[in-house]
Protein backbone atom coordinates (compact mmCIF):
# COMPACT_ATOMS: atom_id res chain seq x y z
CA MET A 1 38.50 -15.70 46.68
CA GLY A 2 39.67 -12.13 46.64
CA LYS A 3 39.45 -11.95 42.84
CA LYS A 4 35.93 -13.44 42.85
CA ASP A 5 34.75 -10.96 45.49
CA LYS A 6 36.23 -8.08 43.48
CA LYS A 7 34.50 -9.33 40.34
CA LYS A 8 31.16 -9.57 42.18
CA LYS A 9 31.57 -6.02 43.52
CA GLU A 10 32.29 -4.71 39.99
CA GLU A 11 29.23 -6.53 38.62
CA LYS A 12 27.08 -5.14 41.45
CA LYS A 13 28.46 -1.65 40.80
CA GLY A 14 27.71 -1.99 37.07
CA LYS A 15 24.13 -3.05 37.78
CA GLY A 16 23.77 -0.10 40.15
CA ILE A 17 24.88 2.31 37.42
CA GLU A 18 22.40 0.74 35.00
CA LYS A 19 19.56 1.08 37.52
CA THR A 20 20.47 4.72 38.17
CA ALA A 21 20.49 5.41 34.41
CA GLU A 22 17.09 3.70 34.04
CA LYS A 23 15.64 5.77 36.90
CA THR A 24 17.04 8.97 35.41
CA GLU A 25 15.58 8.15 32.00
CA LYS A 26 12.24 7.24 33.56
CA LYS A 27 12.12 10.57 35.43
CA ALA A 28 13.06 12.45 32.24
CA LYS A 29 10.27 10.70 30.31
CA LEU A 30 7.75 11.48 33.06
CA LYS A 31 8.82 15.12 33.12
CA ALA A 32 8.62 15.32 29.32
CA LYS A 33 5.15 13.74 29.40
CA LYS A 34 3.93 16.40 31.83
CA GLU A 35 5.42 19.18 29.69
CA LEU A 36 3.76 17.73 26.57
CA ALA A 37 0.42 17.46 28.38
CA ALA A 38 0.69 21.17 29.19
CA LYS A 39 1.15 21.82 25.46
CA GLY A 40 -1.75 19.54 24.58
CA GLU A 41 0.48 16.95 22.85
CA ASP A 42 0.89 13.19 23.23
CA ASP A 43 4.33 11.64 23.08
CA ILE A 44 5.42 11.45 19.47
CA GLU A 45 5.44 7.66 19.11
CA SER A 46 1.77 7.55 20.20
CA MET A 47 0.97 10.29 17.67
CA VAL A 48 2.58 8.33 14.81
CA LYS A 49 0.82 5.08 15.79
CA ALA A 50 -2.55 6.84 15.96
CA ILE A 51 -2.03 8.26 12.45
CA GLU A 52 -1.12 4.85 11.07
CA GLU A 53 -4.28 3.38 12.60
CA GLU A 54 -6.36 6.07 10.92
CA GLU A 55 -4.70 5.33 7.58
CA ARG A 56 -5.62 1.63 7.90
CA LYS A 57 -9.30 2.48 8.31
CA ARG A 58 -9.53 3.84 4.77
CA GLN A 59 -11.03 1.12 2.57
CA GLU A 60 -11.10 2.35 -1.01
CA VAL A 61 -8.91 4.20 -3.46
CA LYS A 62 -10.03 7.68 -4.51
CA GLU A 63 -8.55 9.91 -7.18
CA VAL A 64 -9.61 13.52 -6.84
CA VAL A 65 -8.77 16.50 -9.05
CA VAL A 66 -7.38 19.15 -6.71
CA GLY A 67 -5.55 22.45 -6.71
CA PRO A 68 -1.75 22.79 -6.50
CA PRO A 69 0.16 21.72 -3.37
CA SER A 70 -0.03 24.01 -0.35
CA HIS A 71 3.05 25.75 1.07
CA ARG A 72 5.50 23.04 2.12
CA SER A 73 9.16 22.14 2.34
CA ASN A 74 11.26 18.97 2.58
CA PHE A 75 8.83 17.02 0.38
CA SER A 76 9.80 14.62 -2.42
CA MET A 77 9.22 15.33 -6.12
CA THR A 78 9.86 12.55 -8.62
CA ALA A 79 9.39 12.29 -12.38
CA HIS A 80 7.38 9.25 -13.47
CA SER A 81 9.61 7.03 -15.58
CA ASP A 82 6.95 6.16 -18.20
CA ASN A 83 4.12 8.71 -17.95
CA PRO A 84 4.11 12.52 -18.44
CA GLU A 85 3.69 13.01 -14.70
CA ILE A 86 5.49 14.44 -11.70
CA VAL A 87 4.75 12.83 -8.32
CA PHE A 88 4.81 14.80 -5.03
CA PHE A 89 4.73 13.20 -1.58
CA GLY A 90 4.77 14.52 1.99
CA GLY A 91 6.59 17.55 3.37
CA GLU A 92 6.05 20.01 6.20
CA PHE A 93 4.95 23.59 6.79
CA TYR A 94 5.96 25.89 9.67
CA ASN A 95 4.13 29.18 10.28
CA GLY A 96 6.22 30.46 13.19
CA GLN A 97 4.16 28.72 15.88
CA LYS A 98 3.01 25.37 14.58
CA THR A 99 4.36 22.66 12.27
CA THR A 100 1.97 20.79 9.96
CA MET A 101 3.10 17.47 8.45
CA PHE A 102 1.81 16.00 5.17
CA ASN A 103 1.39 12.53 3.68
CA ASP A 104 -0.67 13.41 0.62
CA LEU A 105 0.27 11.89 -2.73
CA LEU A 106 -0.17 14.41 -5.56
CA VAL A 107 0.36 13.88 -9.28
CA PHE A 108 0.86 16.70 -11.79
CA ASN A 109 -0.02 15.73 -15.37
CA LEU A 110 2.24 17.69 -17.73
CA LYS A 111 -0.04 17.37 -20.77
CA ARG A 112 -3.25 18.42 -19.02
CA SER A 113 -1.60 20.76 -16.47
CA GLU A 114 -3.84 19.08 -13.91
CA TRP A 115 -3.29 18.10 -10.27
CA THR A 116 -4.69 14.83 -8.88
CA GLN A 117 -4.59 13.54 -5.32
CA ILE A 118 -4.57 9.76 -4.87
CA LYS A 119 -6.12 8.70 -1.55
CA SER A 120 -5.15 5.09 -0.91
CA PRO A 121 -5.72 2.78 2.09
CA ALA A 122 -3.04 2.08 4.68
CA GLY A 123 -0.45 4.55 3.43
CA PRO A 124 2.64 5.86 5.21
CA PRO A 125 2.22 8.38 8.05
CA PRO A 126 3.18 12.04 7.41
CA ARG A 127 6.87 12.79 7.00
CA SER A 128 9.46 15.18 5.63
CA SER A 129 13.15 14.94 4.65
CA HIS A 130 12.55 11.42 3.30
CA GLN A 131 13.70 10.05 -0.05
CA ALA A 132 11.65 8.73 -2.97
CA CYS A 133 12.54 6.96 -6.23
CA ILE A 134 10.37 5.73 -9.12
CA VAL A 135 11.09 2.53 -11.08
CA SER A 136 9.30 1.06 -14.11
CA GLN A 137 8.84 -2.49 -12.88
CA ALA A 138 5.38 -3.95 -12.23
CA GLY A 139 3.58 -1.07 -13.92
CA GLY A 140 5.55 1.60 -12.06
CA GLN A 141 6.47 1.85 -8.38
CA LEU A 142 7.26 4.76 -6.04
CA TRP A 143 9.66 3.70 -3.28
CA VAL A 144 9.86 5.83 -0.10
CA PHE A 145 12.36 5.37 2.71
CA GLY A 146 12.86 7.09 6.08
CA GLY A 147 12.29 10.73 6.95
CA GLU A 148 11.03 12.41 10.08
CA PHE A 149 7.84 13.43 11.84
CA THR A 150 7.82 16.69 13.82
CA SER A 151 5.27 17.43 16.52
CA PRO A 152 3.16 20.60 16.11
CA SER A 153 5.17 22.43 18.80
CA GLU A 154 8.49 21.27 17.28
CA SER A 155 9.46 19.91 20.70
CA GLN A 156 9.57 16.29 19.51
CA PHE A 157 11.10 14.54 16.51
CA TYR A 158 10.55 11.00 15.32
CA HIS A 159 12.84 9.48 12.68
CA TYR A 160 11.54 6.70 10.46
CA LYS A 161 13.36 3.61 9.19
CA ASP A 162 10.40 2.18 7.30
CA LEU A 163 10.27 1.34 3.60
CA TRP A 164 7.11 1.81 1.53
CA VAL A 165 6.16 1.19 -2.09
CA PHE A 166 3.23 2.71 -3.99
CA HIS A 167 2.02 0.57 -6.89
CA PHE A 168 0.74 2.77 -9.72
CA ALA A 169 -1.06 -0.18 -11.33
CA SER A 170 -3.31 -0.84 -8.32
CA LYS A 171 -3.04 2.67 -6.79
CA ARG A 172 -2.23 1.09 -3.42
CA TRP A 173 0.50 1.43 -0.80
CA GLU A 174 2.46 -1.48 0.62
CA LYS A 175 4.64 -1.42 3.73
CA VAL A 176 7.69 -3.56 2.99
CA THR A 177 9.02 -5.68 5.84
CA ALA A 178 12.73 -6.41 5.44
CA THR A 179 15.39 -6.66 8.14
CA GLY A 180 18.97 -5.42 8.11
CA GLY A 181 18.25 -1.98 6.69
CA PRO A 182 19.56 1.47 7.68
CA SER A 183 18.81 2.87 11.14
CA ALA A 184 16.14 5.55 11.57
CA ARG A 185 17.20 8.79 9.85
CA SER A 186 16.30 11.77 7.71
CA GLY A 187 18.28 14.01 5.37
CA HIS A 188 19.76 10.91 3.71
CA ARG A 189 19.96 10.33 -0.05
CA MET A 190 18.66 7.46 -2.20
CA VAL A 191 19.14 6.62 -5.90
CA VAL A 192 18.35 3.69 -8.18
CA PHE A 193 21.32 1.62 -9.39
CA LYS A 194 20.29 -1.21 -11.74
CA LYS A 195 17.99 -3.40 -9.60
CA TYR A 196 18.99 -1.75 -6.31
CA LEU A 197 18.06 1.23 -4.17
CA ILE A 198 21.26 2.77 -2.77
CA VAL A 199 20.92 4.70 0.52
CA PHE A 200 23.70 6.94 1.87
CA GLY A 201 24.19 9.23 4.87
CA GLY A 202 21.62 11.28 6.78
CA PHE A 203 21.26 12.17 10.45
CA HIS A 204 19.33 11.30 13.60
CA ASP A 205 18.42 13.95 16.19
CA ASN A 206 16.74 13.08 19.50
CA LEU A 207 17.10 16.62 20.96
CA ARG A 208 19.87 15.35 23.28
CA ASP A 209 22.42 14.68 20.59
CA CYS A 210 22.60 14.62 16.80
CA LYS A 211 24.42 11.89 14.88
CA TYR A 212 25.43 12.08 11.22
CA PHE A 213 25.99 9.01 9.04
CA ASN A 214 28.18 7.97 6.12
CA ASP A 215 27.10 4.34 5.99
CA LEU A 216 25.90 2.74 2.78
CA TYR A 217 23.06 0.27 2.15
CA SER A 218 21.48 -1.39 -0.85
CA PHE A 219 17.97 -2.78 -1.24
CA ASP A 220 17.42 -5.49 -3.85
CA LEU A 221 14.16 -4.61 -5.61
CA GLU A 222 13.72 -8.18 -6.88
CA GLU A 223 14.72 -10.16 -3.78
CA ARG A 224 13.45 -7.45 -1.40
CA LYS A 225 16.50 -7.71 0.84
CA TRP A 226 18.64 -5.07 2.54
CA ALA A 227 22.44 -5.34 2.60
CA LYS A 228 25.00 -3.16 4.33
CA LEU A 229 27.71 -2.43 1.79
CA VAL A 230 31.42 -2.82 2.51
CA THR A 231 33.53 -0.08 0.96
CA VAL A 232 37.18 0.62 0.24
CA GLY A 233 38.86 3.83 -0.85
CA SER A 234 38.59 7.43 0.33
CA GLU A 235 35.03 7.75 1.63
CA PRO A 236 32.90 10.85 2.35
CA SER A 237 32.75 11.99 5.96
CA PRO A 238 29.37 11.69 7.78
CA ARG A 239 26.85 14.16 6.35
CA SER A 240 23.25 14.88 5.39
CA ALA A 241 21.68 17.00 2.64
CA CYS A 242 24.29 16.08 0.03
CA GLN A 243 23.62 15.84 -3.71
CA MET A 244 23.52 12.23 -4.95
CA PHE A 245 22.92 11.22 -8.57
CA SER A 246 23.89 8.73 -11.26
CA ALA A 247 26.64 9.60 -13.74
CA GLU A 248 26.26 8.77 -17.43
CA ASP A 249 28.37 5.60 -17.05
CA GLY A 250 26.09 4.35 -14.24
CA ARG A 251 28.35 5.13 -11.29
CA VAL A 252 26.91 7.04 -8.33
CA VAL A 253 28.13 10.57 -7.48
CA VAL A 254 28.00 12.25 -4.05
CA TYR A 255 28.63 16.00 -3.83
CA GLY A 256 28.70 18.39 -0.87
CA GLY A 257 26.43 18.12 2.15
CA TYR A 258 26.20 19.41 5.68
CA CYS A 259 26.97 18.28 9.22
CA LYS A 260 27.63 19.71 12.67
CA GLU A 261 30.96 19.30 14.42
CA LYS A 262 32.08 20.31 17.90
CA VAL A 263 34.63 23.12 17.92
CA LYS A 264 35.80 24.25 21.38
CA LYS A 265 32.84 22.39 22.95
CA VAL A 266 30.43 24.30 20.70
CA GLU A 267 28.61 22.73 17.75
CA LYS A 268 29.29 24.45 14.44
CA GLY A 269 27.76 23.81 11.05
CA VAL A 270 30.15 22.49 8.38
CA THR A 271 29.32 22.77 4.67
CA HIS A 272 31.10 20.31 2.36
CA ILE A 273 32.10 20.96 -1.26
CA ASP A 274 33.94 17.70 -2.01
CA MET A 275 32.84 15.10 -4.56
CA PHE A 276 33.06 11.30 -4.62
CA LEU A 277 32.35 8.45 -7.02
CA LEU A 278 30.83 5.16 -5.88
CA SER A 279 30.99 1.98 -7.96
CA PRO A 280 30.64 -1.76 -7.33
CA ASP A 281 33.76 -3.90 -7.09
CA LYS A 282 34.21 -5.55 -10.50
CA HIS A 283 35.64 -8.72 -8.92
CA ASP A 284 32.79 -9.16 -6.41
CA ASP A 285 29.81 -11.34 -7.34
CA THR A 286 27.90 -10.74 -4.10
CA GLY A 287 27.09 -7.06 -4.76
CA ILE A 288 28.32 -6.20 -1.25
CA LYS A 289 31.75 -4.72 -2.03
CA TRP A 290 31.91 -1.18 -3.42
CA ARG A 291 34.64 1.40 -3.99
CA TRP A 292 34.81 5.14 -3.19
CA GLN A 293 36.96 7.49 -5.28
CA THR A 294 37.56 11.22 -4.94
CA VAL A 295 36.72 13.41 -7.94
CA LYS A 296 38.75 16.34 -9.25
CA GLN A 297 36.47 19.32 -9.87
CA VAL A 298 37.27 21.92 -12.54
CA GLY A 299 35.48 24.77 -14.32
CA GLU A 300 33.05 27.37 -12.97
CA ARG A 301 32.29 25.81 -9.60
CA PRO A 302 29.56 27.11 -7.27
CA THR A 303 30.68 28.90 -4.14
CA MET A 304 30.21 27.10 -0.82
CA ARG A 305 26.51 26.45 -0.16
CA THR A 306 24.04 23.82 0.95
CA GLY A 307 20.36 23.16 0.28
CA LEU A 308 20.71 22.90 -3.51
CA CYS A 309 18.46 20.69 -5.61
CA ASN A 310 19.56 18.63 -8.59
CA ALA A 311 18.13 16.94 -11.67
CA VAL A 312 19.85 14.56 -14.08
CA GLY A 313 19.38 15.69 -17.69
CA ARG A 314 20.55 14.25 -21.00
CA ASP A 315 24.07 13.29 -22.06
CA GLY A 316 25.32 13.02 -18.48
CA LYS A 317 24.57 16.66 -17.67
CA VAL A 318 23.35 17.27 -14.11
CA PHE A 319 21.73 20.60 -13.16
CA MET A 320 21.86 22.16 -9.68
CA PHE A 321 19.86 25.19 -8.55
CA GLY A 322 19.77 27.54 -5.54
CA GLY A 323 21.19 26.99 -2.07
CA VAL A 324 22.11 28.98 1.01
CA MET A 325 25.25 29.76 2.96
CA ASP A 326 25.38 31.29 6.44
CA LYS A 327 27.17 34.62 6.52
CA GLN A 328 30.60 34.26 8.02
CA LYS A 329 31.17 35.97 11.36
CA GLU A 330 34.40 37.05 13.00
CA GLU A 331 36.42 34.41 14.85
CA ASP A 332 35.70 36.33 18.06
CA ASP A 333 32.22 34.84 17.87
CA ASP A 334 33.50 31.25 18.19
CA GLU A 335 32.01 30.91 21.66
CA GLU A 336 28.47 31.71 20.53
CA SER A 337 25.88 29.04 21.22
CA ASP A 338 24.69 26.57 18.61
CA GLU A 339 21.23 28.13 18.85
CA ASP A 340 22.70 31.50 17.91
CA SER A 341 24.58 29.98 14.98
CA ASP A 342 21.34 28.48 13.64
CA ASP A 343 19.76 31.94 13.69
CA GLU A 344 22.48 33.52 11.53
CA ASP A 345 21.38 35.27 8.35
CA GLY A 346 22.17 33.44 5.15
CA ASN A 347 23.18 34.31 1.60
CA PHE A 348 20.58 32.83 -0.75
CA PHE A 349 21.28 31.91 -4.37
CA ASN A 350 19.28 31.52 -7.57
CA GLU A 351 22.13 30.55 -9.83
CA MET A 352 22.01 27.31 -11.78
CA TYR A 353 25.05 25.19 -12.56
CA SER A 354 25.59 22.11 -14.68
CA VAL A 355 28.20 19.43 -14.06
CA ASN A 356 29.44 16.53 -16.18
CA VAL A 357 31.35 13.70 -14.51
CA GLU A 358 33.66 11.75 -16.79
CA GLY A 359 36.25 9.37 -15.40
CA GLU A 360 37.46 10.88 -12.11
CA ARG A 361 36.93 14.46 -13.30
CA ALA A 362 33.89 16.73 -12.89
CA THR A 363 33.53 19.80 -15.12
CA TRP A 364 31.28 22.61 -13.85
CA HIS A 365 29.54 25.34 -15.89
CA LEU A 366 27.49 28.32 -14.80
CA VAL A 367 24.27 28.16 -16.82
CA THR A 368 23.50 31.47 -18.57
CA LEU A 369 20.01 31.95 -19.98
CA THR A 370 19.88 33.26 -23.56
CA GLY A 371 16.58 35.12 -23.18
CA ARG A 372 13.55 35.08 -25.44
CA LYS A 373 14.95 37.85 -27.67
CA GLU A 374 18.40 39.04 -28.66
CA ILE A 375 19.96 42.18 -27.31
CA GLY A 376 20.45 44.52 -30.24
CA GLU A 377 19.31 47.51 -32.20
CA LYS A 378 15.67 46.48 -31.88
CA GLY A 379 15.81 46.45 -28.10
CA GLU A 380 16.35 49.12 -25.48
CA LYS A 381 19.67 50.23 -26.99
CA GLY A 382 18.07 50.87 -30.37
CA GLU A 383 15.49 53.09 -28.73
CA LYS A 384 18.22 54.98 -26.85
CA LYS A 385 20.15 55.63 -30.06
CA ARG A 386 17.01 56.89 -31.81
CA ARG A 387 16.39 59.36 -28.97
CA ARG A 388 20.03 60.47 -29.08
CA LYS A 389 19.77 61.48 -32.69
CA GLU A 390 17.01 63.88 -31.71
CA LYS A 391 19.32 65.53 -29.12
CA GLY A 392 22.27 67.84 -29.65
CA ASP A 393 25.76 66.49 -30.39
CA GLY A 394 27.04 67.29 -26.89
CA GLU A 395 24.27 65.36 -25.14
CA ALA A 396 24.58 62.48 -27.60
CA MET A 397 28.35 62.19 -26.93
CA GLU A 398 27.72 62.11 -23.18
CA ASP A 399 25.06 59.39 -23.58
CA ASP A 400 27.41 57.34 -25.79
CA ASN A 401 30.05 57.38 -23.06
CA VAL A 402 27.55 56.29 -20.42
CA ASP A 403 26.48 53.41 -22.68
CA GLN A 404 30.13 52.40 -23.13
CA LEU A 405 30.36 52.17 -19.34
CA GLU A 406 27.16 50.11 -19.17
CA ASP A 407 28.47 47.72 -21.85
CA LEU A 408 31.69 47.19 -19.94
CA ALA A 409 29.69 46.56 -16.78
CA LEU A 410 27.65 43.87 -18.54
CA GLU A 411 30.82 42.08 -19.70
CA ASP A 412 32.51 42.28 -16.31
CA THR A 413 33.26 39.03 -14.47
CA GLY A 414 34.39 40.44 -11.14
CA PRO A 415 34.79 43.66 -9.13
CA THR A 416 36.85 46.18 -11.09
CA THR A 417 37.07 49.91 -11.78
CA VAL A 418 36.06 50.97 -15.27
CA THR A 419 36.97 54.38 -16.74
CA VAL A 420 35.59 55.79 -19.99
CA GLU A 421 37.08 59.02 -21.37
CA SER A 422 36.08 61.31 -24.23
CA GLY A 423 37.54 64.78 -24.27
CA ALA A 424 36.69 66.59 -21.03
CA PHE A 425 34.07 63.94 -20.08
CA THR A 426 35.26 61.14 -17.73
CA VAL A 427 33.17 58.53 -15.91
CA SER A 428 34.61 56.04 -13.37
CA SER A 429 32.60 53.28 -11.77
CA THR A 430 33.32 50.23 -9.66
CA VAL A 431 31.36 47.28 -11.03
CA GLY A 432 30.97 44.39 -8.62
CA GLU A 433 29.05 41.21 -7.94
CA ALA A 434 26.29 43.14 -6.16
CA GLU A 435 25.04 44.37 -9.53
CA LYS A 436 24.74 40.86 -10.93
CA GLY A 437 21.51 38.92 -11.20
CA ALA A 438 21.10 35.19 -11.57
CA LYS A 439 23.27 33.12 -13.93
CA GLY A 440 25.92 35.85 -14.04
CA ASP A 441 23.68 38.28 -15.94
CA THR A 442 22.99 41.78 -14.71
CA LEU A 443 19.38 42.53 -13.82
CA ALA A 444 19.19 45.05 -16.66
CA GLU A 445 20.41 42.45 -19.15
CA LEU A 446 17.89 39.87 -17.93
CA LYS A 447 15.10 42.39 -18.44
CA GLU A 448 16.32 43.38 -21.90
CA LYS A 449 16.61 39.73 -22.99
CA ASP A 450 13.04 39.05 -21.76
CA CYS A 451 14.45 36.51 -19.35
CA PHE A 452 12.82 35.32 -16.11
CA VAL A 453 14.65 33.60 -13.23
CA PRO A 454 13.00 32.23 -10.02
CA SER A 455 13.95 34.04 -6.82
CA ALA A 456 16.81 32.85 -4.61
CA ARG A 457 15.91 29.96 -2.28
CA PHE A 458 17.08 26.73 -0.72
CA GLY A 459 15.42 23.35 -0.22
CA SER A 460 13.59 23.39 -3.56
CA GLN A 461 12.91 20.24 -5.54
CA MET A 462 13.77 19.87 -9.23
CA VAL A 463 13.24 17.08 -11.77
CA PHE A 464 13.97 16.55 -15.47
CA LYS A 465 11.18 15.29 -17.71
CA GLY A 466 10.64 15.45 -21.46
CA GLY A 467 13.59 17.76 -22.11
CA SER A 468 12.57 20.31 -19.46
CA LEU A 469 13.50 21.05 -15.86
CA TYR A 470 10.69 21.53 -13.33
CA LEU A 471 11.35 23.48 -10.13
CA PHE A 472 8.97 23.70 -7.18
CA GLY A 473 8.97 25.61 -3.90
CA GLY A 474 11.73 26.07 -1.37
CA ILE A 475 12.36 28.42 1.54
CA ILE A 476 13.62 31.99 1.81
CA GLU A 477 14.23 34.11 4.89
CA SER A 478 12.72 37.54 5.42
CA GLY A 479 14.08 38.89 8.68
CA GLU A 480 12.87 36.49 11.37
CA LYS A 481 10.41 34.84 9.02
CA ASP A 482 10.98 31.58 7.16
CA ILE A 483 8.85 31.98 4.06
CA THR A 484 7.82 28.65 2.54
CA LEU A 485 7.17 28.90 -1.19
CA LYS A 486 4.73 27.05 -3.45
CA ASP A 487 5.69 28.44 -6.86
CA PHE A 488 6.33 26.18 -9.85
CA TYR A 489 8.49 26.73 -12.96
CA SER A 490 9.80 24.95 -16.06
CA LEU A 491 12.85 25.48 -18.26
CA ASP A 492 13.35 24.00 -21.74
CA THR A 493 16.92 22.66 -21.67
CA ASN A 494 17.09 22.66 -25.48
CA LYS A 495 16.64 26.44 -25.52
CA ILE A 496 17.88 27.54 -22.06
CA ASP A 497 16.15 30.85 -22.78
CA SER A 498 13.93 31.65 -19.78
CA TRP A 499 12.09 29.95 -16.94
CA ASN A 500 8.35 29.63 -17.63
CA VAL A 501 5.89 30.29 -14.80
CA ILE A 502 3.45 27.45 -14.08
CA ILE A 503 2.40 28.76 -10.64
CA GLU A 504 3.31 32.32 -9.72
CA SER A 505 5.23 33.13 -6.56
CA ASP A 506 2.99 34.72 -3.96
CA GLN A 507 5.50 34.84 -1.07
CA VAL A 508 2.43 35.34 1.10
CA MET A 509 1.74 33.05 4.03
CA GLU A 510 0.44 33.52 7.53
CA TRP A 511 3.40 33.98 9.91
CA LEU A 512 2.56 33.71 13.59
CA GLY A 513 6.08 33.75 14.99
CA GLU A 514 8.20 36.67 16.13
CA THR A 515 9.38 39.28 13.65
CA ASP A 516 12.08 41.94 13.61
CA ASP A 517 9.38 44.53 14.44
CA ASP A 518 8.50 42.60 17.59
CA ASP A 519 12.14 42.59 18.68
CA ASP A 520 12.40 46.34 18.04
CA ASP A 521 9.24 46.94 20.09
CA ASP A 522 10.62 44.81 22.93
CA ASP A 523 13.88 46.77 22.88
CA GLU A 524 12.02 50.07 23.01
CA GLU A 525 9.83 48.86 25.89
CA GLY A 526 12.93 47.68 27.70
CA ASP A 527 14.58 51.10 27.26
CA ASP A 528 11.45 52.85 28.57
CA GLU A 529 11.33 50.59 31.61
CA ASP A 530 14.99 51.23 32.34
CA GLU A 531 14.38 54.99 32.18
CA ASP A 532 11.27 54.82 34.38
CA ASP A 533 12.84 52.48 36.94
CA GLU A 534 14.83 54.68 39.34
CA SER A 535 15.07 52.16 42.19
CA GLY A 536 17.99 50.25 40.63
CA MET A 537 16.11 46.95 41.14
CA ASP A 538 15.72 44.27 38.50
CA THR A 539 12.52 44.70 36.52
CA ASP A 540 12.53 41.15 35.12
């Protein structure tokens, strides 16, 4: 009897804990609802449902010639497998006060240089940080999975786990109902492998906690079935924002990524630089068993960074552009809050690398643009020499020595001190990475070669189509501002000479958030108040 009574008490206690948790959650939801009402927002699930209802009301398909995409980030950009087209979907834009979400489907025709928006009934609600892939079957299909919806005030986040397909033949969306798929997430990666979509990683953030994933799923495009894959071998740790692409032999490659880990009870961002290969088990007929392998990386590897974009070119060559890395602070700052760590300044990059994966080895190269014209006597140096001949011998000798120094600086691969001597004339200079432009070239050399490189950024999108790379948008930081770009470029990979401008960078957008000037003004006002306040009382 005593054991039964004890068991009953434990069950009663467990139910009591559950009821308390339910009450606490109910109170939290009620409080959140009141706070949202004060901001003029519904709860986020109601917002998403209302948008879906509006999408269903649209009856007919419309194709409209439009201008280029507006400022946005975390959109998808996919090259059509059969047509000379690049397909854009979704994204978000933040102006410092309000977030705007997109679900427009835009197509850029490479031959006509024309933008078209396809308005189709019952499409997916707005989202960002989703994944999209195009396949040739059934006249061409765009598959979209997951992503997130952010409320205008950025106080609510909703992660999707839905799967959609856009049929290019009928110009209509279809919501695919299939059980057993990945949980709701964003920041994941998705690639096509034979007749499957392969989904890896991502994260889910509900403002209370943030969970990162390293699970693996496949979706059979013919059977329309999800399967959770079983893996063996050394697997990647949980992460989002990694680079995922197909190698020339068909295997899937995962590189880098980002996650947050708790260090001394404080969340810290962790940037990964490891690489893995994923391939199906040769002895498995079910398609469920796969194998992870680590990859040895050699060559000119990029420094630690996240937020790159990639595009698979010809002959197994994969290009990666841009990225950002938070500036490292002293270890004394370990106790800083996660919010402070998110506000750290970052180092932005506009370098481009290529990588070839063969076997279990990846070889990296820093891509150097050749320029539209050669550096030589006909360029700036030729003009300098002509002017020198018109000067006296003494001045000419001095100019020659300066040019020798400049030449050494151009050839330099790292910080070093260069000394050039000629008689009584000596010049010493420390040449470092600060003088370098993109792709390892100095800014002067880029100019002389008639060579253009897009500005540093992270979160861009890049695709390969018809022998060229196409790069769109991204984000840069300017003080307290997050500047969202909408510029567009192409690069002929047969020439690798210079990026061509399709849409110029304006770097102009309305920013309604705080700026460094505002902070300076606040500091000055605070100093004035402290000086004026002689009572010793708090003025807050």
